[in-house]
Amino acid sequence: MPINYKKELETAAKGMILIHEPNLLIKMILRMFIQKLKVNHASILLHDKDKDAYILTDSGGSLRSSIPIGLARMDKDDALIRFFREHRDKLLFKTGILNYLELKKLLDKPNIENKLRYLLEQVAYQMGLLETMACIPCYFGEELLGIILLGKKKNKRNFTQEDSRFFVALASNVTMAIRNAQLFKELELELDKKKQLFIRLTFALTAAIEAKDLYTHGHTTRVTNLSLEIAKRISQIRKKEFNRNFFEELHIASLLHDIGKIGIPESILNKNGPLTDEEIKIIREHPLIGVNILQPIKELGESVMGVKYHHERHDGKGYPEGLKGDDIPIIAAIIAVADSFDAMTSDRPYRRHMPEEEALAEIKRLSGLQFNPLVATAFINLCSENKVF
C-alpha cells in the first residue's frame, strides 16, 4: 500500500511538537523513517555546539551495530558536511536531497570541474562507508542543524521522486522539532545552573549567619532537616501532597530563617545572660531585616514568607505583624515548630538546654496557642516514631 504522505506529515508534525527531550525526539524520528519507509537503517548526524562538529547522535536499524554512536563525528571540513554547508545540494539536485544513485550518475559525466569532482567522490565514499542511500539536510535558516541518513529500502527498490518530495517537506518539520527540543533543553540547563548557583549562595549566607551568631552553629541545619520532615508528615496526615516547589521553598526558607541576624549587634546575639527589654526589641527586628535582605531576589517566592513570619504565633501574639491562625503561611508555621524545639533543646550562655521530653511536652501544651495544631501534630507523630530524638 502506498504511503499517504500528507497524512504521515500531519501525524509526524503533531507527534514531534509534543516532545521536548532531544534524544527521545530523535529516536522517534528515526523510528518513524524506518517503519514508514521500510529502510534498513536511519541515522542522524547532529551539530554539537560545544565540539563544533557533527556527531552521529543516534542510529536505528542495521547501522547501529557497526557504527559507534556518539563517537563517530564529522568536522565542518568533512566532505559530506561541506557539501550541505555550501548548499551544493540545491545547486546540483532539484529536490535538495542527496541521492546516492543520482550522485553516482553525476560522477559519470565527463564535464565536471575537477575540484567539484573531488568533493563529490569524497561524499560518495563517505556515504558508502555509512551504507547511506539518501541524505536529508535539516537547515535552520542558513545553518545546517543536522543530516538524516537513510539506508537501502528493504524491498531493494530505489527512492522515488515522491519519496524525495516527502523528505523535503518532512525535513522542515523535523528541523523545527529538533531545534525547539534543543532550546527547551538549553533553557533547562541554564535554569539548573542558576539554581545550583543560588543554592551555593544560600549556603554562603547561612555560613555568614553562623559565623556571627555562635548560637546558630548547627541550629540552621537541624531546623532545616526537621522542617522538611514535618512537611512530609503533614502531607501524609492530610493526604495532600506539597509540590516540589514547596519543598524547595521550605528548604531555602529554613536555611535562611535567621538571615536577618546579620543586622543585629553581636553584643546582643552572643550576650552571656538574659536580654533586656530593649535588646529583645532589637532582636525581634531580625525577621524584617531578613526580608529586606532577601526581597530583591524575586526567585525566592514563598521562601521570604517563611523568613518573615516564623516568629508569628497561632493565637496572634507573635511578631512582626501579630498574624493569627491560618493567616500565618504554612511554610512559616512549620519553621516555627522546628525552630522552637531546637531552641529549647540547645544550650545558651545563660541557660542549660531543656531535656527533649520536656521540650516535646511544651510543643504539645502550646499546640493551638503558639503553634499551628496541624504542624504540632505532625511533629508529635515524628517524635513518637523516634524520628526526632
Protein backbone atom coordinates (compact mmCIF):
# COMPACT_ATOMS: atom_id res chain seq x y z
CA MET A 1 0.00 0.00 0.00
CA PRO A 2 1.49 3.40 -0.98
CA ILE A 3 2.29 5.87 1.77
CA ASN A 4 -0.21 8.69 2.31
CA TYR A 5 2.44 11.39 2.55
CA LYS A 6 0.12 14.19 3.65
CA LYS A 7 -1.29 12.07 6.45
CA GLU A 8 2.18 10.92 7.51
CA LEU A 9 3.40 14.53 7.59
CA GLU A 10 0.47 15.68 9.73
CA THR A 11 0.84 12.77 12.14
CA ALA A 12 4.59 13.25 12.43
CA ALA A 13 4.30 17.01 13.00
CA LYS A 14 1.70 16.59 15.75
CA GLY A 15 3.77 13.96 17.50
CA MET A 16 7.09 15.79 17.24
CA ILE A 17 5.84 19.11 18.57
CA LEU A 18 4.99 17.48 21.92
CA ILE A 19 8.49 16.09 22.54
CA HIS A 20 10.89 18.44 24.35
CA GLU A 21 13.64 15.92 25.09
CA PRO A 22 16.09 15.98 22.12
CA ASN A 23 17.31 12.38 22.42
CA LEU A 24 13.78 11.00 22.71
CA LEU A 25 12.64 13.11 19.77
CA ILE A 26 15.48 11.89 17.56
CA LYS A 27 14.74 8.26 18.39
CA MET A 28 11.10 8.86 17.46
CA ILE A 29 12.04 10.49 14.15
CA LEU A 30 14.39 7.68 13.17
CA ARG A 31 11.88 5.02 14.15
CA MET A 32 9.30 6.76 12.00
CA PHE A 33 11.61 6.68 8.97
CA ILE A 34 12.43 3.01 9.46
CA GLN A 35 8.81 1.95 9.97
CA LYS A 36 7.16 4.10 7.29
CA LEU A 37 9.81 3.92 4.59
CA LYS A 38 10.89 0.34 5.29
CA VAL A 39 14.62 1.13 5.19
CA ASN A 40 17.45 -0.93 6.67
CA HIS A 41 18.57 1.93 8.88
CA ALA A 42 18.05 5.59 9.66
CA SER A 43 20.65 7.71 11.43
CA ILE A 44 21.32 11.35 12.16
CA LEU A 45 24.43 13.50 12.21
CA LEU A 46 23.60 16.35 14.59
CA HIS A 47 25.59 19.53 15.14
CA ASP A 48 27.19 19.76 18.58
CA LYS A 49 27.93 23.38 19.51
CA ASP A 50 30.47 22.51 22.19
CA LYS A 51 32.51 20.24 19.92
CA ASP A 52 31.71 22.29 16.81
CA ALA A 53 31.26 19.06 14.90
CA TYR A 54 28.51 16.80 13.58
CA ILE A 55 28.08 13.76 15.81
CA LEU A 56 26.32 10.52 14.91
CA THR A 57 23.80 11.10 17.68
CA ASP A 58 21.63 8.07 17.13
CA SER A 59 21.02 5.26 14.71
CA GLY A 60 18.19 2.83 14.21
CA GLY A 61 18.38 -0.39 12.25
CA SER A 62 21.33 -2.30 10.83
CA LEU A 63 23.90 0.52 11.08
CA ARG A 64 23.67 0.72 14.88
CA SER A 65 25.73 -2.45 15.36
CA SER A 66 28.63 -1.28 13.19
CA ILE A 67 28.94 2.47 13.92
CA PRO A 68 29.84 3.72 17.44
CA ILE A 69 27.03 6.11 18.44
CA GLY A 70 28.37 9.34 19.92
CA LEU A 71 31.93 8.63 18.79
CA ALA A 72 31.52 8.85 15.02
CA ARG A 73 31.91 12.52 14.14
CA MET A 74 32.47 14.77 11.15
CA ASP A 75 34.10 18.18 11.32
CA LYS A 76 32.95 21.11 9.22
CA ASP A 77 35.68 20.34 6.68
CA ASP A 78 34.47 16.78 6.07
CA ALA A 79 33.21 16.37 2.53
CA LEU A 80 29.64 15.40 3.39
CA ILE A 81 29.26 18.33 5.80
CA ARG A 82 30.85 20.79 3.37
CA PHE A 83 28.56 19.61 0.59
CA PHE A 84 25.49 20.74 2.54
CA ARG A 85 27.04 23.72 4.33
CA GLU A 86 27.95 25.13 0.91
CA HIS A 87 24.39 24.33 -0.28
CA ARG A 88 25.65 22.17 -3.13
CA ASP A 89 22.54 20.03 -2.70
CA LYS A 90 20.31 22.80 -4.04
CA LEU A 91 22.67 23.60 -6.89
CA LEU A 92 23.15 20.04 -8.13
CA PHE A 93 19.89 18.27 -7.33
CA LYS A 94 16.37 19.54 -7.92
CA THR A 95 14.90 18.26 -4.67
CA GLY A 96 17.82 19.21 -2.43
CA ILE A 97 18.03 15.58 -1.26
CA LEU A 98 21.34 13.85 -1.84
CA ASN A 99 20.56 10.51 -3.50
CA TYR A 100 23.49 8.11 -3.75
CA LEU A 101 22.46 6.72 -7.17
CA GLU A 102 21.95 10.20 -8.61
CA LEU A 103 25.34 11.20 -7.22
CA LYS A 104 26.99 8.25 -8.96
CA LYS A 105 25.29 9.22 -12.25
CA LEU A 106 26.56 12.77 -11.86
CA LEU A 107 30.11 11.49 -11.36
CA ASP A 108 29.84 9.55 -14.63
CA LYS A 109 29.54 12.83 -16.55
CA PRO A 110 32.87 13.92 -18.08
CA ASN A 111 32.38 17.70 -17.89
CA ILE A 112 32.52 18.13 -14.10
CA GLU A 113 35.11 20.59 -12.82
CA ASN A 114 37.99 18.77 -11.06
CA LYS A 115 37.58 20.44 -7.67
CA LEU A 116 33.86 19.63 -7.58
CA ARG A 117 34.51 16.06 -8.79
CA TYR A 118 36.97 15.52 -5.96
CA LEU A 119 34.41 16.74 -3.42
CA LEU A 120 31.66 14.55 -4.84
CA GLU A 121 33.93 11.50 -4.87
CA GLN A 122 34.68 12.05 -1.19
CA VAL A 123 30.96 12.46 -0.47
CA ALA A 124 30.17 9.23 -2.32
CA TYR A 125 32.93 7.44 -0.39
CA GLN A 126 31.56 8.63 2.97
CA MET A 127 28.01 7.65 2.03
CA GLY A 128 29.31 4.22 1.13
CA LEU A 129 31.02 3.84 4.49
CA LEU A 130 27.77 4.81 6.22
CA GLU A 131 25.72 2.47 3.98
CA THR A 132 23.62 5.51 3.06
CA MET A 133 21.37 5.81 0.02
CA ALA A 134 19.88 9.22 0.81
CA CYS A 135 20.94 12.23 2.88
CA ILE A 136 18.27 14.66 4.06
CA PRO A 137 19.64 18.02 5.24
CA CYS A 138 17.97 19.83 8.14
CA TYR A 139 18.51 23.56 7.79
CA PHE A 140 17.60 26.10 10.45
CA GLY A 141 17.75 29.28 8.40
CA GLU A 142 21.12 29.04 6.68
CA GLU A 143 22.57 26.89 9.45
CA LEU A 144 22.98 23.15 8.88
CA LEU A 145 21.47 21.65 12.03
CA GLY A 146 21.96 18.05 11.00
CA ILE A 147 21.74 15.39 8.29
CA ILE A 148 19.41 12.39 8.32
CA LEU A 149 20.99 9.32 6.74
CA LEU A 150 18.81 6.62 5.21
CA GLY A 151 19.91 3.13 4.23
CA LYS A 152 18.56 0.93 1.46
CA LYS A 153 14.90 0.07 1.21
CA LYS A 154 14.19 -3.45 2.39
CA ASN A 155 12.39 -4.21 -0.89
CA LYS A 156 15.62 -3.27 -2.76
CA ARG A 157 13.83 -0.53 -4.71
CA ASN A 158 15.29 2.92 -5.26
CA PHE A 159 13.96 6.09 -3.66
CA THR A 160 11.43 7.76 -5.94
CA GLN A 161 10.73 11.42 -6.70
CA GLU A 162 7.68 11.08 -4.46
CA ASP A 163 9.97 9.89 -1.66
CA SER A 164 12.19 12.91 -2.18
CA ARG A 165 9.26 15.34 -2.04
CA PHE A 166 8.20 13.70 1.19
CA PHE A 167 11.74 14.11 2.58
CA VAL A 168 11.88 17.80 1.69
CA ALA A 169 8.54 18.57 3.33
CA LEU A 170 9.30 16.45 6.39
CA ALA A 171 12.78 17.92 6.85
CA SER A 172 11.27 21.31 7.70
CA ASN A 173 9.09 19.79 10.45
CA VAL A 174 11.96 17.66 11.73
CA THR A 175 14.28 20.68 11.89
CA MET A 176 11.82 22.82 13.84
CA ALA A 177 11.01 19.98 16.24
CA ILE A 178 14.70 19.27 16.93
CA ARG A 179 15.56 22.95 17.35
CA ASN A 180 12.63 23.51 19.71
CA ALA A 181 13.64 20.49 21.77
CA GLN A 182 17.24 21.75 21.91
CA LEU A 183 16.07 25.18 23.05
CA PHE A 184 13.98 23.60 25.82
CA LYS A 185 16.99 21.54 26.91
CA GLU A 186 19.29 24.58 26.85
CA LEU A 187 16.77 26.50 28.94
CA GLU A 188 16.56 23.65 31.46
CA LEU A 189 20.35 23.51 31.74
CA GLU A 190 20.55 27.29 32.18
CA LEU A 191 17.89 27.22 34.89
CA ASP A 192 19.67 24.34 36.61
CA LYS A 193 22.95 26.30 36.59
CA LYS A 194 21.20 29.28 38.14
CA LYS A 195 19.54 27.04 40.69
CA GLN A 196 22.88 25.49 41.71
CA LEU A 197 24.43 28.94 41.96
CA PHE A 198 21.52 30.10 44.09
CA ILE A 199 21.82 27.09 46.41
CA ARG A 200 25.55 27.77 46.87
CA LEU A 201 24.73 31.40 47.63
CA THR A 202 22.16 30.27 50.20
CA PHE A 203 24.73 28.11 51.98
CA ALA A 204 27.19 31.00 51.89
CA LEU A 205 24.64 33.27 53.58
CA THR A 206 23.92 30.56 56.14
CA ALA A 207 27.64 30.33 56.91
CA ALA A 208 27.72 34.11 57.36
CA ILE A 209 24.95 33.91 59.97
CA GLU A 210 26.67 31.10 61.87
CA ALA A 211 29.97 32.99 61.83
CA LYS A 212 28.29 35.94 63.57
CA ASP A 213 25.93 34.17 65.96
CA LEU A 214 27.58 31.33 67.86
CA TYR A 215 24.16 30.01 68.87
CA THR A 216 23.11 29.35 65.26
CA HIS A 217 26.05 27.00 64.59
CA GLY A 218 24.36 23.72 63.68
CA HIS A 219 20.96 25.22 64.55
CA THR A 220 20.18 26.14 60.93
CA THR A 221 20.89 22.64 59.63
CA ARG A 222 18.81 21.00 62.37
CA VAL A 223 15.87 23.34 61.79
CA THR A 224 16.05 22.74 58.04
CA ASN A 225 16.08 18.94 58.35
CA LEU A 226 13.27 18.93 60.90
CA SER A 227 11.14 21.35 58.87
CA LEU A 228 11.34 19.12 55.81
CA GLU A 229 10.39 16.03 57.86
CA ILE A 230 7.41 17.86 59.35
CA ALA A 231 6.23 18.90 55.88
CA LYS A 232 6.42 15.30 54.67
CA ARG A 233 4.39 14.14 57.65
CA ILE A 234 1.74 16.84 57.13
CA SER A 235 1.30 15.64 53.54
CA GLN A 236 0.68 12.13 54.91
CA ILE A 237 -1.78 13.29 57.59
CA ARG A 238 -3.80 15.47 55.24
CA LYS A 239 -3.37 13.19 52.22
CA LYS A 240 -2.27 16.35 50.49
CA GLU A 241 0.94 16.44 48.54
CA PHE A 242 3.06 19.57 48.82
CA ASN A 243 4.50 20.10 45.36
CA ARG A 244 8.21 20.08 44.64
CA ASN A 245 8.36 23.88 44.63
CA PHE A 246 7.01 23.99 48.18
CA PHE A 247 9.74 21.70 49.50
CA GLU A 248 12.39 23.73 47.68
CA GLU A 249 11.00 26.96 49.10
CA LEU A 250 10.76 25.45 52.59
CA HIS A 251 14.35 24.22 52.31
CA ILE A 252 15.60 27.69 51.39
CA ALA A 253 13.40 29.46 53.96
CA SER A 254 14.63 27.14 56.72
CA LEU A 255 18.26 27.72 55.78
CA LEU A 256 17.72 31.50 55.74
CA HIS A 257 15.15 31.94 58.51
CA ASP A 258 17.69 33.76 60.71
CA ILE A 259 19.46 35.68 57.92
CA GLY A 260 18.27 38.95 59.50
CA LYS A 261 20.55 38.35 62.47
CA ILE A 262 23.34 39.66 60.25
CA GLY A 263 21.91 43.09 61.09
CA ILE A 264 21.79 42.51 64.85
CA PRO A 265 24.80 43.57 67.01
CA GLU A 266 26.99 40.65 68.10
CA SER A 267 26.93 42.03 71.65
CA ILE A 268 23.23 41.11 71.75
CA LEU A 269 23.45 37.85 69.81
CA ASN A 270 26.23 36.44 71.99
CA LYS A 271 25.31 38.11 75.29
CA ASN A 272 26.23 35.98 78.31
CA GLY A 273 22.97 36.50 80.16
CA PRO A 274 19.26 37.29 79.71
CA LEU A 275 18.35 40.08 77.29
CA THR A 276 16.88 43.38 78.42
CA ASP A 277 13.53 44.60 77.08
CA GLU A 278 15.33 46.94 74.68
CA GLU A 279 17.61 44.13 73.47
CA ILE A 280 14.62 41.86 72.95
CA LYS A 281 13.00 44.62 70.88
CA ILE A 282 16.13 44.85 68.73
CA ILE A 283 16.49 41.11 68.20
CA ARG A 284 12.82 40.88 67.19
CA GLU A 285 13.70 43.05 64.22
CA HIS A 286 15.62 40.20 62.59
CA PRO A 287 12.67 38.77 60.55
CA LEU A 288 12.08 42.14 58.85
CA ILE A 289 15.81 42.68 58.35
CA GLY A 290 15.88 39.27 56.69
CA VAL A 291 13.01 40.27 54.39
CA ASN A 292 14.83 43.47 53.40
CA ILE A 293 17.90 41.42 52.53
CA LEU A 294 16.02 38.80 50.51
CA GLN A 295 13.11 40.68 48.93
CA PRO A 296 15.08 41.88 45.87
CA ILE A 297 15.61 38.23 44.92
CA LYS A 298 12.27 37.61 43.15
CA GLU A 299 13.06 33.93 42.56
CA LEU A 300 12.70 33.21 46.30
CA GLY A 301 8.89 33.25 46.08
CA GLU A 302 7.24 31.95 49.26
CA SER A 303 10.60 31.41 50.96
CA VAL A 304 10.54 35.07 52.04
CA MET A 305 7.24 34.43 53.86
CA GLY A 306 8.90 31.70 55.88
CA VAL A 307 11.68 34.08 56.91
CA LYS A 308 9.28 36.92 57.70
CA TYR A 309 6.67 35.08 59.74
CA HIS A 310 8.47 32.24 61.53
CA HIS A 311 8.02 34.05 64.87
CA GLU A 312 4.27 34.57 64.49
CA ARG A 313 2.01 32.69 66.93
CA HIS A 314 -1.20 30.82 66.18
CA ASP A 315 -3.01 32.88 68.84
CA GLY A 316 -1.91 36.18 67.25
CA LYS A 317 0.60 37.15 69.95
CA GLY A 318 3.71 36.75 67.81
CA TYR A 319 5.74 39.17 65.73
CA PRO A 320 6.38 41.08 63.46
CA GLU A 321 2.72 41.55 62.44
CA GLY A 322 0.70 39.61 65.01
CA LEU A 323 -0.86 37.31 62.40
CA LYS A 324 -3.29 34.71 63.69
CA GLY A 325 -4.33 31.16 62.77
CA ASP A 326 -4.43 30.32 59.09
CA ASP A 327 -3.30 33.83 58.17
CA ILE A 328 0.19 32.59 59.03
CA PRO A 329 1.68 30.90 55.92
CA ILE A 330 2.12 27.16 56.48
CA ILE A 331 5.78 27.46 55.47
CA ALA A 332 6.35 29.80 58.45
CA ALA A 333 4.23 27.69 60.82
CA ILE A 334 6.40 24.65 60.06
CA ILE A 335 9.65 26.53 60.65
CA ALA A 336 8.22 27.95 63.90
CA VAL A 337 7.83 24.48 65.46
CA ALA A 338 11.23 23.24 64.26
CA ASP A 339 12.94 26.46 65.35
CA SER A 340 11.31 26.49 68.80
CA PHE A 341 12.10 22.83 69.53
CA ASP A 342 15.75 23.27 68.59
CA ALA A 343 15.96 26.50 70.62
CA MET A 344 14.57 24.76 73.70
CA THR A 345 16.93 21.80 73.39
CA SER A 346 20.08 23.86 72.75
CA ASP A 347 22.44 25.39 75.33
CA ARG A 348 22.65 29.16 75.61
CA PRO A 349 25.33 31.07 77.56
CA TYR A 350 22.76 31.99 80.24
CA ARG A 351 20.83 28.70 80.49
CA ARG A 352 21.14 24.96 80.05
CA HIS A 353 19.18 23.17 77.36
CA MET A 354 15.77 21.67 78.16
CA PRO A 355 15.54 17.85 78.01
CA GLU A 356 13.94 16.73 74.77
CA GLU A 357 10.97 15.10 76.50
CA GLU A 358 10.18 18.39 78.27
CA ALA A 359 10.51 20.32 75.00
CA LEU A 360 8.08 17.89 73.38
CA ALA A 361 5.65 18.45 76.25
CA GLU A 362 5.89 22.20 75.64
CA ILE A 363 5.08 21.76 71.96
CA LYS A 364 2.02 19.71 72.95
CA ARG A 365 0.93 22.26 75.56
CA LEU A 366 1.30 25.19 73.15
CA SER A 367 -0.47 23.48 70.23
CA GLY A 368 -3.27 25.83 69.18
CA LEU A 369 -1.72 28.67 71.18
CA GLN A 370 1.79 29.31 69.90
CA PHE A 371 1.82 26.60 67.26
CA ASN A 372 -0.40 25.58 64.35
CA PRO A 373 -2.19 22.40 65.62
CA LEU A 374 -1.64 20.51 62.36
CA VAL A 375 2.09 21.26 62.40
CA ALA A 376 2.36 20.39 66.09
CA THR A 377 0.55 17.08 65.49
CA ALA A 378 2.91 16.19 62.65
CA PHE A 379 5.90 16.96 64.86
CA ILE A 380 4.48 14.90 67.75
CA ASN A 381 3.92 11.96 65.40
CA LEU A 382 7.55 12.13 64.30
CA CYS A 383 8.68 12.12 67.92
CA SER A 384 6.51 9.08 68.72
CA GLU A 385 8.34 7.22 65.96
CA ASN A 386 11.74 8.27 67.28
CA LYS A 387 12.45 10.29 64.12
CA VAL A 388 13.40 13.48 66.00
CA PHE A 389 15.46 12.39 69.03
